[in-house]
């Protein structure tokens, strides 16, 4: 198998290029990216609602 430069044992975790060289399907990476965006958006909405609710309770 071809090893990308910098993909040696000394590189902790490697990078996206190293992982892509292992044969990971691009669809899988897109699905993970969309999932992370959705989770992040949900967390931001939850924090915003919580902060708004707490500020209204102080009034």
PDB file of N, CA and C in Angstrom:
ATOM      1  N   UNK A   1       0.839  -1.187   0.000  1.00  0.00           N
ATOM      2  CA  UNK A   1       0.000   0.000   0.000  1.00  0.00           C
ATOM      3  C   UNK A   1       0.881   1.247   0.000  1.00  0.00           C
ATOM      4  N   UNK A   2       0.464   2.250  -0.728  1.00  0.00           N
ATOM      5  CA  UNK A   2       1.199   3.501  -0.799  1.00  0.00           C
ATOM      6  C   UNK A   2       1.057   4.270   0.506  1.00  0.00           C
ATOM      7  N   UNK A   3       2.189   4.758   1.035  1.00  0.00           N
ATOM      8  CA  UNK A   3       2.162   5.585   2.241  1.00  0.00           C
ATOM      9  C   UNK A   3       2.385   7.030   1.844  1.00  0.00           C
ATOM     10  N   UNK A   4       1.495   7.883   2.287  1.00  0.00           N
ATOM     11  CA  UNK A   4       1.638   9.303   2.009  1.00  0.00           C
ATOM     12  C   UNK A   4       2.784   9.864   2.844  1.00  0.00           C
ATOM     13  N   UNK A   5       3.458  10.896   2.357  1.00  0.00           N
ATOM     14  CA  UNK A   5       4.515  11.518   3.156  1.00  0.00           C
ATOM     15  C   UNK A   5       3.950  12.025   4.482  1.00  0.00           C
ATOM     16  N   UNK A   6       4.637  11.761   5.567  1.00  0.00           N
ATOM     17  CA  UNK A   6       4.172  12.200   6.881  1.00  0.00           C
ATOM     18  C   UNK A   6       3.177  11.249   7.508  1.00  0.00           C
ATOM     19  N   UNK A   7       2.932  10.110   6.883  1.00  0.00           N
ATOM     20  CA  UNK A   7       1.955   9.170   7.408  1.00  0.00           C
ATOM     21  C   UNK A   7       2.618   8.070   8.224  1.00  0.00           C
ATOM     22  N   UNK A   8       3.799   8.349   8.752  1.00  0.00           N
ATOM     23  CA  UNK A   8       4.528   7.344   9.504  1.00  0.00           C
ATOM     24  C   UNK A   8       3.939   7.099  10.873  1.00  0.00           C
ATOM     25  N   UNK A   9       4.602   6.244  11.630  1.00  0.00           N
ATOM     26  CA  UNK A   9       4.125   5.890  12.962  1.00  0.00           C
ATOM     27  C   UNK A   9       4.217   7.084  13.903  1.00  0.00           C
ATOM     28  N   UNK A  10       5.170   7.982  13.659  1.00  0.00           N
ATOM     29  CA  UNK A  10       5.367   9.127  14.549  1.00  0.00           C
ATOM     30  C   UNK A  10       4.258  10.151  14.499  1.00  0.00           C
ATOM     31  N   UNK A  11       3.429  10.099  13.490  1.00  0.00           N
ATOM     32  CA  UNK A  11       2.336  11.070  13.370  1.00  0.00           C
ATOM     33  C   UNK A  11       1.139  10.532  14.134  1.00  0.00           C
ATOM     34  N   UNK A  12       0.776  11.215  15.212  1.00  0.00           N
ATOM     35  CA  UNK A  12      -0.326  10.753  16.053  1.00  0.00           C
ATOM     36  C   UNK A  12      -1.653  11.019  15.359  1.00  0.00           C
ATOM     37  N   UNK A  13      -2.326   9.978  14.966  1.00  0.00           N
ATOM     38  CA  UNK A  13      -3.646  10.132  14.362  1.00  0.00           C
ATOM     39  C   UNK A  13      -3.610  10.424  12.885  1.00  0.00           C
ATOM     40  N   UNK A  14      -2.495  10.903  12.348  1.00  0.00           N
ATOM     41  CA  UNK A  14      -2.427  11.209  10.923  1.00  0.00           C
ATOM     42  C   UNK A  14      -3.271  12.420  10.596  1.00  0.00           C
ATOM     43  N   UNK A  15      -3.810  12.428   9.416  1.00  0.00           N
ATOM     44  CA  UNK A  15      -4.654  13.546   8.997  1.00  0.00           C
ATOM     45  C   UNK A  15      -5.712  13.044   8.052  1.00  0.00           C
ATOM     46  N   UNK A  16      -6.473  13.981   7.494  1.00  0.00           N
ATOM     47  CA  UNK A  16      -7.540  13.602   6.575  1.00  0.00           C
ATOM     48  C   UNK A  16      -6.954  12.922   5.351  1.00  0.00           C
ATOM     49  N   UNK A  17      -5.837  13.420   4.854  1.00  0.00           N
ATOM     50  CA  UNK A  17      -5.205  12.809   3.692  1.00  0.00           C
ATOM     51  C   UNK A  17      -4.770  11.386   3.968  1.00  0.00           C
ATOM     52  N   UNK A  18      -4.233  11.160   5.144  1.00  0.00           N
ATOM     53  CA  UNK A  18      -3.798   9.815   5.520  1.00  0.00           C
ATOM     54  C   UNK A  18      -4.992   8.887   5.627  1.00  0.00           C
ATOM     55  N   UNK A  19      -6.064   9.364   6.226  1.00  0.00           N
ATOM     56  CA  UNK A  19      -7.248   8.523   6.366  1.00  0.00           C
ATOM     57  C   UNK A  19      -7.894   8.265   5.011  1.00  0.00           C
ATOM     58  N   UNK A  20      -7.889   9.268   4.129  1.00  0.00           N
ATOM     59  CA  UNK A  20      -8.470   9.075   2.800  1.00  0.00           C
ATOM     60  C   UNK A  20      -7.656   8.066   2.007  1.00  0.00           C
ATOM     61  N   UNK A  21      -6.346   8.015   2.240  1.00  0.00           N
ATOM     62  CA  UNK A  21      -5.482   7.083   1.516  1.00  0.00           C
ATOM     63  C   UNK A  21      -5.729   5.639   1.943  1.00  0.00           C
ATOM     64  N   UNK A  22      -6.401   5.437   3.069  1.00  0.00           N
ATOM     65  CA  UNK A  22      -6.680   4.076   3.516  1.00  0.00           C
ATOM     66  C   UNK A  22      -7.852   3.468   2.770  1.00  0.00           C
ATOM     67  N   UNK A  23      -8.502   4.232   1.922  1.00  0.00           N
ATOM     68  CA  UNK A  23      -9.608   3.715   1.140  1.00  0.00           C
ATOM     69  C   UNK A  23     -10.965   4.053   1.712  1.00  0.00           C
ATOM     70  N   UNK A  24     -11.024   4.956   2.676  1.00  0.00           N
ATOM     71  CA  UNK A  24     -12.312   5.350   3.243  1.00  0.00           C
ATOM     72  C   UNK A  24     -13.144   6.028   2.161  1.00  0.00           C
ATOM     73  N   UNK A  25     -14.384   5.672   2.075  1.00  0.00           N
ATOM     74  CA  UNK A  25     -15.283   6.213   1.066  1.00  0.00           C
ATOM     75  C   UNK A  25     -15.616   7.668   1.370  1.00  0.00           C
ATOM     76  N   UNK A  26     -15.655   8.509   0.337  1.00  0.00           N
ATOM     77  CA  UNK A  26     -15.937   9.942   0.537  1.00  0.00           C
ATOM     78  C   UNK A  26     -17.355  10.144   1.059  1.00  0.00           C
ATOM     79  N   UNK A  27     -18.269   9.258   0.716  1.00  0.00           N
ATOM     80  CA  UNK A  27     -19.640   9.366   1.227  1.00  0.00           C
ATOM     81  C   UNK A  27     -19.694   9.227   2.734  1.00  0.00           C
ATOM     82  N   UNK A  28     -18.837   8.366   3.273  1.00  0.00           N
ATOM     83  CA  UNK A  28     -18.782   8.185   4.722  1.00  0.00           C
ATOM     84  C   UNK A  28     -18.307   9.464   5.391  1.00  0.00           C
ATOM     85  N   UNK A  29     -17.276  10.090   4.807  1.00  0.00           N
ATOM     86  CA  UNK A  29     -16.764  11.342   5.366  1.00  0.00           C
ATOM     87  C   UNK A  29     -17.805  12.455   5.291  1.00  0.00           C
ATOM     88  N   UNK A  30     -18.545  12.509   4.181  1.00  0.00           N
ATOM     89  CA  UNK A  30     -19.608  13.512   4.053  1.00  0.00           C
ATOM     90  C   UNK A  30     -20.693  13.287   5.103  1.00  0.00           C
ATOM     91  N   UNK A  31     -21.058  12.036   5.332  1.00  0.00           N
ATOM     92  CA  UNK A  31     -22.079  11.734   6.337  1.00  0.00           C
ATOM     93  C   UNK A  31     -21.620  12.146   7.728  1.00  0.00           C
ATOM     94  N   UNK A  32     -20.371  11.868   8.059  1.00  0.00           N
ATOM     95  CA  UNK A  32     -19.835  12.267   9.370  1.00  0.00           C
ATOM     96  C   UNK A  32     -19.811  13.789   9.489  1.00  0.00           C
ATOM     97  N   UNK A  33     -19.407  14.477   8.414  1.00  0.00           N
ATOM     98  CA  UNK A  33     -19.376  15.946   8.430  1.00  0.00           C
ATOM     99  C   UNK A  33     -20.752  16.540   8.640  1.00  0.00           C
ATOM    100  N   UNK A  34     -21.746  16.015   7.946  1.00  0.00           N
ATOM    101  CA  UNK A  34     -23.121  16.517   8.103  1.00  0.00           C
ATOM    102  C   UNK A  34     -23.619  16.251   9.512  1.00  0.00           C
ATOM    103  N   UNK A  35     -23.307  15.081  10.050  1.00  0.00           N
ATOM    104  CA  UNK A  35     -23.725  14.754  11.415  1.00  0.00           C
ATOM    105  C   UNK A  35     -23.110  15.720  12.424  1.00  0.00           C
ATOM    106  N   UNK A  36     -21.817  16.025  12.253  1.00  0.00           N
ATOM    107  CA  UNK A  36     -21.160  16.957  13.175  1.00  0.00           C
ATOM    108  C   UNK A  36     -21.751  18.357  13.070  1.00  0.00           C
ATOM    109  N   UNK A  37     -22.076  18.796  11.871  1.00  0.00           N
ATOM    110  CA  UNK A  37     -22.690  20.115  11.699  1.00  0.00           C
ATOM    111  C   UNK A  37     -24.056  20.150  12.376  1.00  0.00           C
ATOM    112  N   UNK A  38     -24.844  19.089  12.198  1.00  0.00           N
ATOM    113  CA  UNK A  38     -26.164  19.047  12.827  1.00  0.00           C
ATOM    114  C   UNK A  38     -26.063  19.020  14.353  1.00  0.00           C
ATOM    115  N   UNK A  39     -25.123  18.245  14.887  1.00  0.00           N
ATOM    116  CA  UNK A  39     -24.946  18.195  16.346  1.00  0.00           C
ATOM    117  C   UNK A  39     -24.490  19.549  16.886  1.00  0.00           C
ATOM    118  N   UNK A  40     -23.581  20.205  16.168  1.00  0.00           N
ATOM    119  CA  UNK A  40     -23.120  21.520  16.599  1.00  0.00           C
ATOM    120  C   UNK A  40     -24.232  22.543  16.575  1.00  0.00           C
ATOM    121  N   UNK A  41     -25.047  22.520  15.526  1.00  0.00           N
ATOM    122  CA  UNK A  41     -26.169  23.455  15.422  1.00  0.00           C
ATOM    123  C   UNK A  41     -27.170  23.214  16.546  1.00  0.00           C
ATOM    124  N   UNK A  42     -27.449  21.938  16.814  1.00  0.00           N
ATOM    125  CA  UNK A  42     -28.370  21.622  17.910  1.00  0.00           C
ATOM    126  C   UNK A  42     -27.839  22.087  19.257  1.00  0.00           C
ATOM    127  N   UNK A  43     -26.533  21.942  19.477  1.00  0.00           N
ATOM    128  CA  UNK A  43     -25.938  22.394  20.740  1.00  0.00           C
ATOM    129  C   UNK A  43     -26.024  23.915  20.863  1.00  0.00           C
ATOM    130  N   UNK A  44     -25.758  24.629  19.771  1.00  0.00           N
ATOM    131  CA  UNK A  44     -25.842  26.089  19.819  1.00  0.00           C
ATOM    132  C   UNK A  44     -27.267  26.568  20.093  1.00  0.00           C
ATOM    133  N   UNK A  45     -28.244  25.917  19.487  1.00  0.00           N
ATOM    134  CA  UNK A  45     -29.646  26.292  19.720  1.00  0.00           C
ATOM    135  C   UNK A  45     -30.022  26.017  21.170  1.00  0.00           C
ATOM    136  N   UNK A  46     -29.586  24.875  21.704  1.00  0.00           N
ATOM    137  CA  UNK A  46     -29.906  24.532  23.096  1.00  0.00           C
ATOM    138  C   UNK A  46     -29.290  25.534  24.059  1.00  0.00           C
ATOM    139  N   UNK A  47     -28.045  25.936  23.828  1.00  0.00           N
ATOM    140  CA  UNK A  47     -27.387  26.910  24.700  1.00  0.00           C
ATOM    141  C   UNK A  47     -28.080  28.263  24.599  1.00  0.00           C
ATOM    142  N   UNK A  48     -28.457  28.653  23.397  1.00  0.00           N
ATOM    143  CA  UNK A  48     -29.142  29.942  23.212  1.00  0.00           C
ATOM    144  C   UNK A  48     -30.471  29.964  23.955  1.00  0.00           C
ATOM    145  N   UNK A  49     -31.238  28.861  23.835  1.00  0.00           N
ATOM    146  CA  UNK A  49     -32.532  28.791  24.541  1.00  0.00           C
ATOM    147  C   UNK A  49     -32.335  28.809  26.051  1.00  0.00           C
ATOM    148  N   UNK A  50     -31.317  28.089  26.518  1.00  0.00           N
ATOM    149  CA  UNK A  50     -31.068  28.039  27.963  1.00  0.00           C
ATOM    150  C   UNK A  50     -30.691  29.418  28.489  1.00  0.00           C
ATOM    151  N   UNK A  51     -29.801  30.109  27.771  1.00  0.00           N
ATOM    152  CA  UNK A  51     -29.376  31.440  28.215  1.00  0.00           C
ATOM    153  C   UNK A  51     -30.540  32.429  28.194  1.00  0.00           C
ATOM    154  N   UNK A  52     -31.398  32.319  27.171  1.00  0.00           N
ATOM    155  CA  UNK A  52     -32.551  33.230  27.096  1.00  0.00           C
ATOM    156  C   UNK A  52     -33.518  32.956  28.239  1.00  0.00           C
ATOM    157  N   UNK A  53     -33.722  31.674  28.550  1.00  0.00           N
ATOM    158  CA  UNK A  53     -34.641  31.306  29.631  1.00  0.00           C
ATOM    159  C   UNK A  53     -34.081  31.769  30.979  1.00  0.00           C
ATOM    160  N   UNK A  54     -32.781  31.632  31.180  1.00  0.00           N
ATOM    161  CA  UNK A  54     -32.169  32.054  32.449  1.00  0.00           C
ATOM    162  C   UNK A  54     -32.210  33.567  32.605  1.00  0.00           C
ATOM    163  N   UNK A  55     -32.023  34.302  31.512  1.00  0.00           N
ATOM    164  CA  UNK A  55     -32.058  35.762  31.621  1.00  0.00           C
ATOM    165  C   UNK A  55     -33.468  36.270  31.880  1.00  0.00           C
ATOM    166  N   UNK A  56     -34.480  35.583  31.364  1.00  0.00           N
ATOM    167  CA  UNK A  56     -35.855  35.976  31.638  1.00  0.00           C
ATOM    168  C   UNK A  56     -36.231  35.660  33.082  1.00  0.00           C
ATOM    169  N   UNK A  57     -35.663  34.617  33.644  1.00  0.00           N
ATOM    170  CA  UNK A  57     -35.970  34.237  35.024  1.00  0.00           C
ATOM    171  C   UNK A  57     -35.412  35.260  36.009  1.00  0.00           C
ATOM    172  N   UNK A  58     -34.333  35.957  35.635  1.00  0.00           N
ATOM    173  CA  UNK A  58     -33.730  36.958  36.518  1.00  0.00           C
ATOM    174  C   UNK A  58     -34.567  38.234  36.604  1.00  0.00           C
ATOM    175  N   UNK A  59     -35.353  38.480  35.568  1.00  0.00           N
ATOM    176  CA  UNK A  59     -36.156  39.730  35.563  1.00  0.00           C
ATOM    177  C   UNK A  59     -37.318  39.703  36.499  1.00  0.00           C
TER     178      UNK A  59
END
